[in-house]
């Protein structure tokens, strides 16, 4: 059984976000939007309460690294 994405899977989340939001510059995204987009990912399956600023920052940094 394949487990869904968790908050700690920042690179995998970033790759999914790149596919879903290909026209978005990750440097301009607000963390409130980023959090919602992660929650909306089909493969995401983690507790929304486990998300903090550091988690979102890690996802954003992974996204920036992938598009550079």
C-alpha atoms as a PDB file:
ATOM      1  CA  UNK A   1       0.000   0.000   0.000  1.00  0.00           C
ATOM      2  CA  UNK A   2       1.361   3.385  -1.021  1.00  0.00           C
ATOM      3  CA  UNK A   3       1.323   5.938   1.747  1.00  0.00           C
ATOM      4  CA  UNK A   4       0.356   9.492   0.882  1.00  0.00           C
ATOM      5  CA  UNK A   5       2.623  12.493   1.125  1.00  0.00           C
ATOM      6  CA  UNK A   6       3.428  13.877   4.565  1.00  0.00           C
ATOM      7  CA  UNK A   7       4.559  17.372   5.552  1.00  0.00           C
ATOM      8  CA  UNK A   8       8.147  16.099   5.748  1.00  0.00           C
ATOM      9  CA  UNK A   9       8.144  15.078   2.066  1.00  0.00           C
ATOM     10  CA  UNK A  10       9.067  18.592   0.976  1.00  0.00           C
ATOM     11  CA  UNK A  11      10.724  17.639  -2.326  1.00  0.00           C
ATOM     12  CA  UNK A  12       7.894  15.343  -3.424  1.00  0.00           C
ATOM     13  CA  UNK A  13       5.349  17.993  -2.432  1.00  0.00           C
ATOM     14  CA  UNK A  14       7.304  20.627  -4.360  1.00  0.00           C
ATOM     15  CA  UNK A  15       7.339  18.424  -7.476  1.00  0.00           C
ATOM     16  CA  UNK A  16       3.575  17.926  -7.259  1.00  0.00           C
ATOM     17  CA  UNK A  17       3.056  21.667  -6.772  1.00  0.00           C
ATOM     18  CA  UNK A  18       5.193  22.430  -9.825  1.00  0.00           C
ATOM     19  CA  UNK A  19       2.892  20.218 -11.896  1.00  0.00           C
ATOM     20  CA  UNK A  20      -0.286  21.734 -10.421  1.00  0.00           C
ATOM     21  CA  UNK A  21       0.865  25.377 -10.470  1.00  0.00           C
ATOM     22  CA  UNK A  22       3.399  25.561 -13.280  1.00  0.00           C
ATOM     23  CA  UNK A  23       2.913  29.303 -13.879  1.00  0.00           C
ATOM     24  CA  UNK A  24       3.531  30.303 -10.243  1.00  0.00           C
ATOM     25  CA  UNK A  25       6.806  31.832  -9.102  1.00  0.00           C
ATOM     26  CA  UNK A  26       7.515  30.129  -5.751  1.00  0.00           C
ATOM     27  CA  UNK A  27       9.247  33.296  -4.533  1.00  0.00           C
ATOM     28  CA  UNK A  28       5.953  35.180  -4.645  1.00  0.00           C
ATOM     29  CA  UNK A  29       3.656  32.689  -2.945  1.00  0.00           C
ATOM     30  CA  UNK A  30       2.064  33.433   0.414  1.00  0.00           C
ATOM     31  CA  UNK A  31       2.369  30.695   3.026  1.00  0.00           C
ATOM     32  CA  UNK A  32      -1.412  30.667   3.509  1.00  0.00           C
ATOM     33  CA  UNK A  33      -1.828  29.820  -0.191  1.00  0.00           C
ATOM     34  CA  UNK A  34       1.030  27.329  -0.127  1.00  0.00           C
ATOM     35  CA  UNK A  35      -0.486  25.515   2.843  1.00  0.00           C
ATOM     36  CA  UNK A  36      -3.867  25.257   1.114  1.00  0.00           C
ATOM     37  CA  UNK A  37      -2.320  24.051  -2.137  1.00  0.00           C
ATOM     38  CA  UNK A  38      -0.471  21.302  -0.259  1.00  0.00           C
ATOM     39  CA  UNK A  39      -3.679  20.257   1.497  1.00  0.00           C
ATOM     40  CA  UNK A  40      -5.417  20.167  -1.899  1.00  0.00           C
ATOM     41  CA  UNK A  41      -2.852  17.821  -3.468  1.00  0.00           C
ATOM     42  CA  UNK A  42      -4.389  14.463  -4.351  1.00  0.00           C
ATOM     43  CA  UNK A  43      -1.464  12.480  -2.892  1.00  0.00           C
ATOM     44  CA  UNK A  44      -1.246  14.505   0.329  1.00  0.00           C
ATOM     45  CA  UNK A  45      -2.353  12.668   3.446  1.00  0.00           C
ATOM     46  CA  UNK A  46      -1.191  14.229   6.698  1.00  0.00           C
ATOM     47  CA  UNK A  47      -2.661  16.130   9.610  1.00  0.00           C
ATOM     48  CA  UNK A  48      -3.163  19.813   8.694  1.00  0.00           C
ATOM     49  CA  UNK A  49      -2.251  20.743  12.265  1.00  0.00           C
ATOM     50  CA  UNK A  50       1.292  19.398  11.779  1.00  0.00           C
ATOM     51  CA  UNK A  51       2.154  22.254   9.449  1.00  0.00           C
ATOM     52  CA  UNK A  52       4.201  25.195  10.631  1.00  0.00           C
ATOM     53  CA  UNK A  53       6.205  27.990   9.075  1.00  0.00           C
ATOM     54  CA  UNK A  54       9.394  25.897   8.939  1.00  0.00           C
ATOM     55  CA  UNK A  55       7.588  23.118   7.083  1.00  0.00           C
ATOM     56  CA  UNK A  56       6.207  25.560   4.524  1.00  0.00           C
ATOM     57  CA  UNK A  57       9.614  27.190   4.197  1.00  0.00           C
ATOM     58  CA  UNK A  58      11.199  23.803   3.423  1.00  0.00           C
ATOM     59  CA  UNK A  59       8.574  23.126   0.749  1.00  0.00           C
ATOM     60  CA  UNK A  60       9.055  26.587  -0.752  1.00  0.00           C
ATOM     61  CA  UNK A  61      12.861  26.169  -0.805  1.00  0.00           C
ATOM     62  CA  UNK A  62      12.548  22.765  -2.489  1.00  0.00           C
ATOM     63  CA  UNK A  63      10.202  24.305  -5.086  1.00  0.00           C
ATOM     64  CA  UNK A  64      12.652  27.176  -5.750  1.00  0.00           C
ATOM     65  CA  UNK A  65      15.551  24.726  -6.101  1.00  0.00           C
ATOM     66  CA  UNK A  66      13.607  22.608  -8.604  1.00  0.00           C
ATOM     67  CA  UNK A  67      12.623  25.491 -10.875  1.00  0.00           C
ATOM     68  CA  UNK A  68      16.096  27.078 -10.895  1.00  0.00           C
END
